[in-house]
């Protein structure tokens, strides 16, 4: 079996490949980070709508990771999703609290 010894031409071709160009992965210094609504999603985790608020938190973290990888549009989209899922989680959580209070006071009044 013959081993192919890399020459300077093949090494030069690999140096210019997109996989080795890590300068393009980092976001520019001038690009402002889109909102990821991390605080809103953390606040929504205190509401009793657990599967939904955890999804909002995951969207928020994914938005932050997308920005760090240089995907600004993906970061905006995931941040928007995190916001709407967190708002839905808060509304559902408040409805659960209100329904449980109404049921509690109706049971107490009828007893």
PDB file of N, CA and C in Angstrom:
ATOM      1  N   UNK A   1       0.830  -1.175   0.000  1.00  0.00           N
ATOM      2  CA  UNK A   1       0.000   0.000   0.000  1.00  0.00           C
ATOM      3  C   UNK A   1       0.869   1.229   0.000  1.00  0.00           C
ATOM      4  N   UNK A   2       0.463   2.146  -0.790  1.00  0.00           N
ATOM      5  CA  UNK A   2       1.252   3.364  -0.859  1.00  0.00           C
ATOM      6  C   UNK A   2       0.576   4.453  -0.031  1.00  0.00           C
ATOM      7  N   UNK A   3       1.371   5.149   0.670  1.00  0.00           N
ATOM      8  CA  UNK A   3       0.884   6.259   1.485  1.00  0.00           C
ATOM      9  C   UNK A   3       1.059   7.544   0.686  1.00  0.00           C
ATOM     10  N   UNK A   4       0.037   8.350   0.667  1.00  0.00           N
ATOM     11  CA  UNK A   4       0.131   9.637  -0.019  1.00  0.00           C
ATOM     12  C   UNK A   4       0.711  10.648   0.954  1.00  0.00           C
ATOM     13  N   UNK A   5       1.851  11.169   0.585  1.00  0.00           N
ATOM     14  CA  UNK A   5       2.493  12.158   1.417  1.00  0.00           C
ATOM     15  C   UNK A   5       1.956  13.526   1.040  1.00  0.00           C
ATOM     16  N   UNK A   6       1.400  14.281   1.997  1.00  0.00           N
ATOM     17  CA  UNK A   6       0.836  15.584   1.648  1.00  0.00           C
ATOM     18  C   UNK A   6       1.908  16.550   1.187  1.00  0.00           C
ATOM     19  N   UNK A   7       1.619  17.193   0.103  1.00  0.00           N
ATOM     20  CA  UNK A   7       2.536  18.199  -0.407  1.00  0.00           C
ATOM     21  C   UNK A   7       2.076  19.568   0.061  1.00  0.00           C
ATOM     22  N   UNK A   8       2.867  20.535  -0.218  1.00  0.00           N
ATOM     23  CA  UNK A   8       2.513  21.887   0.216  1.00  0.00           C
ATOM     24  C   UNK A   8       1.273  22.407  -0.501  1.00  0.00           C
ATOM     25  N   UNK A   9       1.013  21.926  -1.750  1.00  0.00           N
ATOM     26  CA  UNK A   9      -0.185  22.352  -2.476  1.00  0.00           C
ATOM     27  C   UNK A   9      -1.455  21.839  -1.819  1.00  0.00           C
ATOM     28  N   UNK A  10      -1.449  20.573  -1.419  1.00  0.00           N
ATOM     29  CA  UNK A  10      -2.657  20.030  -0.785  1.00  0.00           C
ATOM     30  C   UNK A  10      -2.867  20.659   0.589  1.00  0.00           C
ATOM     31  N   UNK A  11      -1.796  20.938   1.296  1.00  0.00           N
ATOM     32  CA  UNK A  11      -1.938  21.574   2.600  1.00  0.00           C
ATOM     33  C   UNK A  11      -2.462  22.995   2.439  1.00  0.00           C
ATOM     34  N   UNK A  12      -2.010  23.693   1.421  1.00  0.00           N
ATOM     35  CA  UNK A  12      -2.480  25.039   1.158  1.00  0.00           C
ATOM     36  C   UNK A  12      -3.967  25.026   0.807  1.00  0.00           C
ATOM     37  N   UNK A  13      -4.419  24.002   0.078  1.00  0.00           N
ATOM     38  CA  UNK A  13      -5.836  23.897  -0.271  1.00  0.00           C
ATOM     39  C   UNK A  13      -6.679  23.654   0.970  1.00  0.00           C
ATOM     40  N   UNK A  14      -6.165  22.880   1.895  1.00  0.00           N
ATOM     41  CA  UNK A  14      -6.910  22.626   3.129  1.00  0.00           C
ATOM     42  C   UNK A  14      -6.952  23.854   4.028  1.00  0.00           C
ATOM     43  N   UNK A  15      -5.902  24.659   3.994  1.00  0.00           N
ATOM     44  CA  UNK A  15      -5.871  25.855   4.832  1.00  0.00           C
ATOM     45  C   UNK A  15      -6.947  26.856   4.433  1.00  0.00           C
ATOM     46  N   UNK A  16      -7.306  26.885   3.169  1.00  0.00           N
ATOM     47  CA  UNK A  16      -8.313  27.827   2.709  1.00  0.00           C
ATOM     48  C   UNK A  16      -9.724  27.279   2.728  1.00  0.00           C
ATOM     49  N   UNK A  17      -9.909  26.058   3.229  1.00  0.00           N
ATOM     50  CA  UNK A  17     -11.247  25.452   3.225  1.00  0.00           C
ATOM     51  C   UNK A  17     -12.143  26.134   4.254  1.00  0.00           C
ATOM     52  N   UNK A  18     -13.459  26.096   4.037  1.00  0.00           N
ATOM     53  CA  UNK A  18     -14.379  26.753   4.964  1.00  0.00           C
ATOM     54  C   UNK A  18     -14.367  26.139   6.358  1.00  0.00           C
ATOM     55  N   UNK A  19     -14.013  24.864   6.472  1.00  0.00           N
ATOM     56  CA  UNK A  19     -13.992  24.233   7.787  1.00  0.00           C
ATOM     57  C   UNK A  19     -12.889  24.809   8.673  1.00  0.00           C
ATOM     58  N   UNK A  20     -11.810  25.246   8.072  1.00  0.00           N
ATOM     59  CA  UNK A  20     -10.693  25.778   8.837  1.00  0.00           C
ATOM     60  C   UNK A  20     -10.769  27.283   9.027  1.00  0.00           C
ATOM     61  N   UNK A  21     -11.709  27.935   8.403  1.00  0.00           N
ATOM     62  CA  UNK A  21     -11.825  29.383   8.504  1.00  0.00           C
ATOM     63  C   UNK A  21     -12.751  29.710   9.665  1.00  0.00           C
ATOM     64  N   UNK A  22     -12.182  29.889  10.862  1.00  0.00           N
ATOM     65  CA  UNK A  22     -13.002  30.100  12.046  1.00  0.00           C
ATOM     66  C   UNK A  22     -13.293  31.578  12.291  1.00  0.00           C
ATOM     67  N   UNK A  23     -12.660  32.461  11.543  1.00  0.00           N
ATOM     68  CA  UNK A  23     -12.919  33.880  11.744  1.00  0.00           C
ATOM     69  C   UNK A  23     -14.337  34.252  11.325  1.00  0.00           C
ATOM     70  N   UNK A  24     -14.916  33.517  10.357  1.00  0.00           N
ATOM     71  CA  UNK A  24     -16.260  33.830   9.888  1.00  0.00           C
ATOM     72  C   UNK A  24     -17.333  33.354  10.851  1.00  0.00           C
ATOM     73  N   UNK A  25     -17.015  32.450  11.778  1.00  0.00           N
ATOM     74  CA  UNK A  25     -18.011  31.914  12.690  1.00  0.00           C
ATOM     75  C   UNK A  25     -18.382  32.904  13.793  1.00  0.00           C
ATOM     76  N   UNK A  26     -17.460  33.707  14.219  1.00  0.00           N
ATOM     77  CA  UNK A  26     -17.724  34.637  15.303  1.00  0.00           C
ATOM     78  C   UNK A  26     -18.527  35.831  14.788  1.00  0.00           C
ATOM     79  N   UNK A  27     -19.527  36.274  15.576  1.00  0.00           N
ATOM     80  CA  UNK A  27     -20.292  37.441  15.143  1.00  0.00           C
ATOM     81  C   UNK A  27     -19.435  38.707  15.160  1.00  0.00           C
ATOM     82  N   UNK A  28     -19.789  39.648  14.297  1.00  0.00           N
ATOM     83  CA  UNK A  28     -19.054  40.908  14.246  1.00  0.00           C
ATOM     84  C   UNK A  28     -19.206  41.670  15.553  1.00  0.00           C
ATOM     85  N   UNK A  29     -18.244  42.506  15.826  1.00  0.00           N
ATOM     86  CA  UNK A  29     -18.304  43.332  17.024  1.00  0.00           C
ATOM     87  C   UNK A  29     -19.409  44.378  16.919  1.00  0.00           C
ATOM     88  N   UNK A  30     -19.741  44.794  15.688  1.00  0.00           N
ATOM     89  CA  UNK A  30     -20.724  45.859  15.491  1.00  0.00           C
ATOM     90  C   UNK A  30     -22.156  45.347  15.485  1.00  0.00           C
ATOM     91  N   UNK A  31     -22.351  44.045  15.394  1.00  0.00           N
ATOM     92  CA  UNK A  31     -23.696  43.478  15.327  1.00  0.00           C
ATOM     93  C   UNK A  31     -24.270  43.422  16.736  1.00  0.00           C
ATOM     94  N   UNK A  32     -25.452  44.011  16.886  1.00  0.00           N
ATOM     95  CA  UNK A  32     -26.098  44.004  18.189  1.00  0.00           C
ATOM     96  C   UNK A  32     -26.869  42.704  18.375  1.00  0.00           C
ATOM     97  N   UNK A  33     -26.771  42.137  19.562  1.00  0.00           N
ATOM     98  CA  UNK A  33     -27.421  40.867  19.840  1.00  0.00           C
ATOM     99  C   UNK A  33     -28.933  41.043  19.901  1.00  0.00           C
ATOM    100  N   UNK A  34     -29.681  40.226  19.139  1.00  0.00           N
ATOM    101  CA  UNK A  34     -31.142  40.319  19.218  1.00  0.00           C
ATOM    102  C   UNK A  34     -31.623  39.806  20.572  1.00  0.00           C
ATOM    103  N   UNK A  35     -32.793  40.257  21.019  1.00  0.00           N
ATOM    104  CA  UNK A  35     -33.258  39.829  22.342  1.00  0.00           C
ATOM    105  C   UNK A  35     -33.546  38.327  22.369  1.00  0.00           C
ATOM    106  N   UNK A  36     -33.111  37.672  23.453  1.00  0.00           N
ATOM    107  CA  UNK A  36     -33.378  36.245  23.596  1.00  0.00           C
ATOM    108  C   UNK A  36     -34.405  35.974  24.691  1.00  0.00           C
ATOM    109  N   UNK A  37     -34.846  36.993  25.412  1.00  0.00           N
ATOM    110  CA  UNK A  37     -35.903  36.921  26.423  1.00  0.00           C
ATOM    111  C   UNK A  37     -35.602  35.883  27.504  1.00  0.00           C
ATOM    112  N   UNK A  38     -34.357  35.817  27.923  1.00  0.00           N
ATOM    113  CA  UNK A  38     -33.959  34.840  28.926  1.00  0.00           C
ATOM    114  C   UNK A  38     -34.628  35.108  30.268  1.00  0.00           C
ATOM    115  N   UNK A  39     -34.706  36.366  30.686  1.00  0.00           N
ATOM    116  CA  UNK A  39     -35.335  36.683  31.969  1.00  0.00           C
ATOM    117  C   UNK A  39     -36.833  36.375  31.951  1.00  0.00           C
ATOM    118  N   UNK A  40     -37.495  36.650  30.832  1.00  0.00           N
ATOM    119  CA  UNK A  40     -38.920  36.344  30.721  1.00  0.00           C
ATOM    120  C   UNK A  40     -39.152  34.839  30.800  1.00  0.00           C
ATOM    121  N   UNK A  41     -38.304  34.063  30.153  1.00  0.00           N
ATOM    122  CA  UNK A  41     -38.482  32.615  30.184  1.00  0.00           C
ATOM    123  C   UNK A  41     -38.156  32.038  31.561  1.00  0.00           C
ATOM    124  N   UNK A  42     -37.193  32.627  32.256  1.00  0.00           N
ATOM    125  CA  UNK A  42     -36.910  32.187  33.630  1.00  0.00           C
ATOM    126  C   UNK A  42     -38.103  32.518  34.525  1.00  0.00           C
ATOM    127  N   UNK A  43     -38.694  33.695  34.346  1.00  0.00           N
ATOM    128  CA  UNK A  43     -39.880  34.066  35.110  1.00  0.00           C
ATOM    129  C   UNK A  43     -41.043  33.121  34.804  1.00  0.00           C
ATOM    130  N   UNK A  44     -41.180  32.718  33.551  1.00  0.00           N
ATOM    131  CA  UNK A  44     -42.278  31.821  33.187  1.00  0.00           C
ATOM    132  C   UNK A  44     -42.103  30.431  33.793  1.00  0.00           C
ATOM    133  N   UNK A  45     -40.889  30.076  34.184  1.00  0.00           N
ATOM    134  CA  UNK A  45     -40.666  28.766  34.805  1.00  0.00           C
ATOM    135  C   UNK A  45     -41.293  28.675  36.193  1.00  0.00           C
ATOM    136  N   UNK A  46     -41.686  29.798  36.788  1.00  0.00           N
ATOM    137  CA  UNK A  46     -42.363  29.781  38.079  1.00  0.00           C
ATOM    138  C   UNK A  46     -43.861  29.568  37.945  1.00  0.00           C
ATOM    139  N   UNK A  47     -44.379  29.573  36.742  1.00  0.00           N
ATOM    140  CA  UNK A  47     -45.797  29.312  36.506  1.00  0.00           C
ATOM    141  C   UNK A  47     -46.026  27.805  36.388  1.00  0.00           C
ATOM    142  N   UNK A  48     -47.216  27.325  36.785  1.00  0.00           N
ATOM    143  CA  UNK A  48     -47.454  25.870  36.773  1.00  0.00           C
ATOM    144  C   UNK A  48     -47.856  25.312  35.411  1.00  0.00           C
ATOM    145  N   UNK A  49     -47.164  25.682  34.376  1.00  0.00           N
ATOM    146  CA  UNK A  49     -47.394  25.126  33.044  1.00  0.00           C
ATOM    147  C   UNK A  49     -46.072  24.532  32.570  1.00  0.00           C
ATOM    148  N   UNK A  50     -45.620  23.499  33.270  1.00  0.00           N
ATOM    149  CA  UNK A  50     -44.239  23.057  33.156  1.00  0.00           C
ATOM    150  C   UNK A  50     -43.756  22.622  31.784  1.00  0.00           C
ATOM    151  N   UNK A  51     -44.451  21.846  31.027  1.00  0.00           N
ATOM    152  CA  UNK A  51     -43.832  21.482  29.740  1.00  0.00           C
ATOM    153  C   UNK A  51     -43.666  22.685  28.815  1.00  0.00           C
ATOM    154  N   UNK A  52     -44.580  23.630  28.914  1.00  0.00           N
ATOM    155  CA  UNK A  52     -44.550  24.771  28.000  1.00  0.00           C
ATOM    156  C   UNK A  52     -43.441  25.747  28.375  1.00  0.00           C
ATOM    157  N   UNK A  53     -43.291  26.047  29.666  1.00  0.00           N
ATOM    158  CA  UNK A  53     -42.275  27.030  30.043  1.00  0.00           C
ATOM    159  C   UNK A  53     -40.863  26.485  29.882  1.00  0.00           C
ATOM    160  N   UNK A  54     -40.682  25.190  29.955  1.00  0.00           N
ATOM    161  CA  UNK A  54     -39.354  24.631  29.714  1.00  0.00           C
ATOM    162  C   UNK A  54     -39.006  24.734  28.230  1.00  0.00           C
ATOM    163  N   UNK A  55     -40.006  24.579  27.367  1.00  0.00           N
ATOM    164  CA  UNK A  55     -39.781  24.755  25.923  1.00  0.00           C
ATOM    165  C   UNK A  55     -39.360  26.202  25.643  1.00  0.00           C
ATOM    166  N   UNK A  56     -40.001  27.164  26.310  1.00  0.00           N
ATOM    167  CA  UNK A  56     -39.617  28.570  26.137  1.00  0.00           C
ATOM    168  C   UNK A  56     -38.186  28.806  26.581  1.00  0.00           C
ATOM    169  N   UNK A  57     -37.796  28.211  27.693  1.00  0.00           N
ATOM    170  CA  UNK A  57     -36.428  28.351  28.190  1.00  0.00           C
ATOM    171  C   UNK A  57     -35.425  27.755  27.206  1.00  0.00           C
ATOM    172  N   UNK A  58     -35.760  26.613  26.623  1.00  0.00           N
ATOM    173  CA  UNK A  58     -34.872  25.971  25.646  1.00  0.00           C
ATOM    174  C   UNK A  58     -34.739  26.839  24.401  1.00  0.00           C
ATOM    175  N   UNK A  59     -35.858  27.427  23.929  1.00  0.00           N
ATOM    176  CA  UNK A  59     -35.792  28.336  22.781  1.00  0.00           C
ATOM    177  C   UNK A  59     -34.879  29.526  23.076  1.00  0.00           C
ATOM    178  N   UNK A  60     -34.955  30.047  24.291  1.00  0.00           N
ATOM    179  CA  UNK A  60     -34.124  31.191  24.666  1.00  0.00           C
ATOM    180  C   UNK A  60     -32.638  30.829  24.650  1.00  0.00           C
ATOM    181  N   UNK A  61     -32.302  29.683  25.186  1.00  0.00           N
ATOM    182  CA  UNK A  61     -30.903  29.232  25.188  1.00  0.00           C
ATOM    183  C   UNK A  61     -30.431  28.961  23.761  1.00  0.00           C
ATOM    184  N   UNK A  62     -31.309  28.371  22.942  1.00  0.00           N
ATOM    185  CA  UNK A  62     -30.943  28.124  21.542  1.00  0.00           C
ATOM    186  C   UNK A  62     -30.721  29.434  20.794  1.00  0.00           C
ATOM    187  N   UNK A  63     -31.499  30.469  21.137  1.00  0.00           N
ATOM    188  CA  UNK A  63     -31.311  31.783  20.524  1.00  0.00           C
ATOM    189  C   UNK A  63     -29.934  32.346  20.869  1.00  0.00           C
ATOM    190  N   UNK A  64     -29.553  32.218  22.122  1.00  0.00           N
ATOM    191  CA  UNK A  64     -28.232  32.686  22.553  1.00  0.00           C
ATOM    192  C   UNK A  64     -27.121  31.915  21.846  1.00  0.00           C
ATOM    193  N   UNK A  65     -27.273  30.605  21.710  1.00  0.00           N
ATOM    194  CA  UNK A  65     -26.267  29.792  21.026  1.00  0.00           C
ATOM    195  C   UNK A  65     -26.193  30.125  19.534  1.00  0.00           C
ATOM    196  N   UNK A  66     -27.346  30.391  18.915  1.00  0.00           N
ATOM    197  CA  UNK A  66     -27.339  30.756  17.491  1.00  0.00           C
ATOM    198  C   UNK A  66     -26.595  32.063  17.262  1.00  0.00           C
ATOM    199  N   UNK A  67     -26.778  33.026  18.152  1.00  0.00           N
ATOM    200  CA  UNK A  67     -26.055  34.285  18.010  1.00  0.00           C
ATOM    201  C   UNK A  67     -24.559  34.073  18.176  1.00  0.00           C
ATOM    202  N   UNK A  68     -24.177  33.244  19.139  1.00  0.00           N
ATOM    203  CA  UNK A  68     -22.751  32.984  19.361  1.00  0.00           C
ATOM    204  C   UNK A  68     -22.111  32.269  18.178  1.00  0.00           C
ATOM    205  N   UNK A  69     -22.906  31.522  17.403  1.00  0.00           N
ATOM    206  CA  UNK A  69     -22.384  30.850  16.223  1.00  0.00           C
ATOM    207  C   UNK A  69     -22.440  31.733  14.986  1.00  0.00           C
ATOM    208  N   UNK A  70     -23.019  32.920  15.108  1.00  0.00           N
ATOM    209  CA  UNK A  70     -23.044  33.860  13.995  1.00  0.00           C
ATOM    210  C   UNK A  70     -24.324  33.854  13.192  1.00  0.00           C
ATOM    211  N   UNK A  71     -25.322  33.092  13.597  1.00  0.00           N
ATOM    212  CA  UNK A  71     -26.597  33.017  12.884  1.00  0.00           C
ATOM    213  C   UNK A  71     -27.552  34.056  13.479  1.00  0.00           C
ATOM    214  N   UNK A  72     -27.516  35.272  12.939  1.00  0.00           N
ATOM    215  CA  UNK A  72     -28.306  36.371  13.492  1.00  0.00           C
ATOM    216  C   UNK A  72     -29.792  36.157  13.214  1.00  0.00           C
ATOM    217  N   UNK A  73     -30.145  35.756  12.014  1.00  0.00           N
ATOM    218  CA  UNK A  73     -31.559  35.544  11.672  1.00  0.00           C
ATOM    219  C   UNK A  73     -32.157  34.397  12.483  1.00  0.00           C
ATOM    220  N   UNK A  74     -31.411  33.332  12.646  1.00  0.00           N
ATOM    221  CA  UNK A  74     -31.885  32.218  13.473  1.00  0.00           C
ATOM    222  C   UNK A  74     -32.051  32.627  14.920  1.00  0.00           C
ATOM    223  N   UNK A  75     -31.154  33.480  15.387  1.00  0.00           N
ATOM    224  CA  UNK A  75     -31.247  33.967  16.758  1.00  0.00           C
ATOM    225  C   UNK A  75     -32.493  34.828  16.952  1.00  0.00           C
ATOM    226  N   UNK A  76     -32.806  35.672  15.967  1.00  0.00           N
ATOM    227  CA  UNK A  76     -34.024  36.488  16.044  1.00  0.00           C
ATOM    228  C   UNK A  76     -35.269  35.615  16.061  1.00  0.00           C
ATOM    229  N   UNK A  77     -35.290  34.603  15.183  1.00  0.00           N
ATOM    230  CA  UNK A  77     -36.455  33.717  15.079  1.00  0.00           C
ATOM    231  C   UNK A  77     -36.650  32.928  16.365  1.00  0.00           C
ATOM    232  N   UNK A  78     -35.581  32.376  16.913  1.00  0.00           N
ATOM    233  CA  UNK A  78     -35.691  31.604  18.147  1.00  0.00           C
ATOM    234  C   UNK A  78     -36.043  32.489  19.336  1.00  0.00           C
ATOM    235  N   UNK A  79     -35.536  33.724  19.357  1.00  0.00           N
ATOM    236  CA  UNK A  79     -35.899  34.654  20.423  1.00  0.00           C
ATOM    237  C   UNK A  79     -37.373  35.015  20.374  1.00  0.00           C
ATOM    238  N   UNK A  80     -37.884  35.216  19.150  1.00  0.00           N
ATOM    239  CA  UNK A  80     -39.312  35.506  18.991  1.00  0.00           C
ATOM    240  C   UNK A  80     -40.155  34.318  19.456  1.00  0.00           C
ATOM    241  N   UNK A  81     -39.737  33.110  19.095  1.00  0.00           N
ATOM    242  CA  UNK A  81     -40.445  31.915  19.551  1.00  0.00           C
ATOM    243  C   UNK A  81     -40.413  31.805  21.074  1.00  0.00           C
ATOM    244  N   UNK A  82     -39.264  32.096  21.675  1.00  0.00           N
ATOM    245  CA  UNK A  82     -39.140  32.036  23.133  1.00  0.00           C
ATOM    246  C   UNK A  82     -40.086  33.019  23.794  1.00  0.00           C
ATOM    247  N   UNK A  83     -40.198  34.216  23.215  1.00  0.00           N
ATOM    248  CA  UNK A  83     -41.088  35.227  23.800  1.00  0.00           C
ATOM    249  C   UNK A  83     -42.538  34.765  23.772  1.00  0.00           C
ATOM    250  N   UNK A  84     -43.003  34.280  22.622  1.00  0.00           N
ATOM    251  CA  UNK A  84     -44.411  33.899  22.498  1.00  0.00           C
ATOM    252  C   UNK A  84     -44.736  32.648  23.314  1.00  0.00           C
ATOM    253  N   UNK A  85     -43.825  31.710  23.384  1.00  0.00           N
ATOM    254  CA  UNK A  85     -44.078  30.516  24.191  1.00  0.00           C
ATOM    255  C   UNK A  85     -44.059  30.872  25.678  1.00  0.00           C
ATOM    256  N   UNK A  86     -43.191  31.785  26.092  1.00  0.00           N
ATOM    257  CA  UNK A  86     -43.158  32.222  27.490  1.00  0.00           C
ATOM    258  C   UNK A  86     -44.441  32.969  27.852  1.00  0.00           C
ATOM    259  N   UNK A  87     -44.926  33.822  26.953  1.00  0.00           N
ATOM    260  CA  UNK A  87     -46.181  34.536  27.218  1.00  0.00           C
ATOM    261  C   UNK A  87     -47.335  33.541  27.327  1.00  0.00           C
ATOM    262  N   UNK A  88     -47.371  32.559  26.430  1.00  0.00           N
ATOM    263  CA  UNK A  88     -48.415  31.533  26.493  1.00  0.00           C
ATOM    264  C   UNK A  88     -48.313  30.747  27.794  1.00  0.00           C
ATOM    265  N   UNK A  89     -47.102  30.454  28.229  1.00  0.00           N
ATOM    266  CA  UNK A  89     -46.900  29.724  29.474  1.00  0.00           C
ATOM    267  C   UNK A  89     -47.398  30.527  30.677  1.00  0.00           C
ATOM    268  N   UNK A  90     -47.132  31.815  30.688  1.00  0.00           N
ATOM    269  CA  UNK A  90     -47.585  32.661  31.798  1.00  0.00           C
ATOM    270  C   UNK A  90     -49.110  32.740  31.814  1.00  0.00           C
ATOM    271  N   UNK A  91     -49.717  32.898  30.653  1.00  0.00           N
ATOM    272  CA  UNK A  91     -51.185  32.973  30.587  1.00  0.00           C
ATOM    273  C   UNK A  91     -51.798  31.650  31.027  1.00  0.00           C
ATOM    274  N   UNK A  92     -51.279  30.529  30.557  1.00  0.00           N
ATOM    275  CA  UNK A  92     -51.796  29.224  30.958  1.00  0.00           C
ATOM    276  C   UNK A  92     -51.584  28.997  32.453  1.00  0.00           C
ATOM    277  N   UNK A  93     -50.431  29.401  32.968  1.00  0.00           N
ATOM    278  CA  UNK A  93     -50.168  29.269  34.400  1.00  0.00           C
ATOM    279  C   UNK A  93     -51.128  30.086  35.240  1.00  0.00           C
ATOM    280  N   UNK A  94     -51.424  31.314  34.799  1.00  0.00           N
ATOM    281  CA  UNK A  94     -52.387  32.138  35.535  1.00  0.00           C
ATOM    282  C   UNK A  94     -53.785  31.543  35.468  1.00  0.00           C
ATOM    283  N   UNK A  95     -54.152  30.956  34.335  1.00  0.00           N
ATOM    284  CA  UNK A  95     -55.452  30.281  34.234  1.00  0.00           C
ATOM    285  C   UNK A  95     -55.523  29.075  35.166  1.00  0.00           C
ATOM    286  N   UNK A  96     -54.460  28.312  35.248  1.00  0.00           N
ATOM    287  CA  UNK A  96     -54.430  27.159  36.160  1.00  0.00           C
ATOM    288  C   UNK A  96     -54.574  27.619  37.602  1.00  0.00           C
ATOM    289  N   UNK A  97     -53.893  28.680  37.974  1.00  0.00           N
ATOM    290  CA  UNK A  97     -53.989  29.210  39.338  1.00  0.00           C
ATOM    291  C   UNK A  97     -55.402  29.708  39.607  1.00  0.00           C
ATOM    292  N   UNK A  98     -55.981  30.432  38.657  1.00  0.00           N
ATOM    293  CA  UNK A  98     -57.336  30.964  38.847  1.00  0.00           C
ATOM    294  C   UNK A  98     -58.355  29.831  38.961  1.00  0.00           C
ATOM    295  N   UNK A  99     -58.261  28.825  38.129  1.00  0.00           N
ATOM    296  CA  UNK A  99     -59.204  27.704  38.174  1.00  0.00           C
ATOM    297  C   UNK A  99     -59.063  26.938  39.480  1.00  0.00           C
ATOM    298  N   UNK A 100     -57.838  26.731  39.919  1.00  0.00           N
ATOM    299  CA  UNK A 100     -57.653  26.007  41.184  1.00  0.00           C
ATOM    300  C   UNK A 100     -58.174  26.811  42.371  1.00  0.00           C
ATOM    301  N   UNK A 101     -58.046  28.130  42.346  1.00  0.00           N
ATOM    302  CA  UNK A 101     -58.603  28.965  43.425  1.00  0.00           C
ATOM    303  C   UNK A 101     -60.126  28.917  43.411  1.00  0.00           C
ATOM    304  N   UNK A 102     -60.737  29.004  42.239  1.00  0.00           N
ATOM    305  CA  UNK A 102     -62.199  28.956  42.136  1.00  0.00           C
ATOM    306  C   UNK A 102     -62.711  27.613  42.630  1.00  0.00           C
ATOM    307  N   UNK A 103     -62.085  26.524  42.225  1.00  0.00           N
ATOM    308  CA  UNK A 103     -62.509  25.194  42.670  1.00  0.00           C
ATOM    309  C   UNK A 103     -62.340  25.061  44.177  1.00  0.00           C
ATOM    310  N   UNK A 104     -61.258  25.563  44.713  1.00  0.00           N
ATOM    311  CA  UNK A 104     -61.013  25.491  46.158  1.00  0.00           C
ATOM    312  C   UNK A 104     -62.094  26.243  46.933  1.00  0.00           C
ATOM    313  N   UNK A 105     -62.407  27.464  46.518  1.00  0.00           N
ATOM    314  CA  UNK A 105     -63.368  28.257  47.267  1.00  0.00           C
ATOM    315  C   UNK A 105     -64.796  27.754  47.075  1.00  0.00           C
ATOM    316  N   UNK A 106     -65.102  27.153  45.928  1.00  0.00           N
ATOM    317  CA  UNK A 106     -66.435  26.571  45.727  1.00  0.00           C
ATOM    318  C   UNK A 106     -66.596  25.340  46.630  1.00  0.00           C
ATOM    319  N   UNK A 107     -65.570  24.520  46.714  1.00  0.00           N
ATOM    320  CA  UNK A 107     -65.630  23.346  47.593  1.00  0.00           C
ATOM    321  C   UNK A 107     -65.741  23.755  49.055  1.00  0.00           C
ATOM    322  N   UNK A 108     -65.023  24.787  49.436  1.00  0.00           N
ATOM    323  CA  UNK A 108     -65.036  25.232  50.830  1.00  0.00           C
ATOM    324  C   UNK A 108     -66.392  25.839  51.181  1.00  0.00           C
ATOM    325  N   UNK A 109     -66.988  26.561  50.234  1.00  0.00           N
ATOM    326  CA  UNK A 109     -68.286  27.201  50.475  1.00  0.00           C
ATOM    327  C   UNK A 109     -69.402  26.157  50.540  1.00  0.00           C
ATOM    328  N   UNK A 110     -69.292  25.085  49.763  1.00  0.00           N
ATOM    329  CA  UNK A 110     -70.349  24.081  49.753  1.00  0.00           C
ATOM    330  C   UNK A 110     -70.232  23.100  50.906  1.00  0.00           C
ATOM    331  N   UNK A 111     -69.101  23.064  51.574  1.00  0.00           N
ATOM    332  CA  UNK A 111     -68.931  22.124  52.696  1.00  0.00           C
ATOM    333  C   UNK A 111     -69.449  22.633  53.991  1.00  0.00           C
TER     334      UNK A 111
END
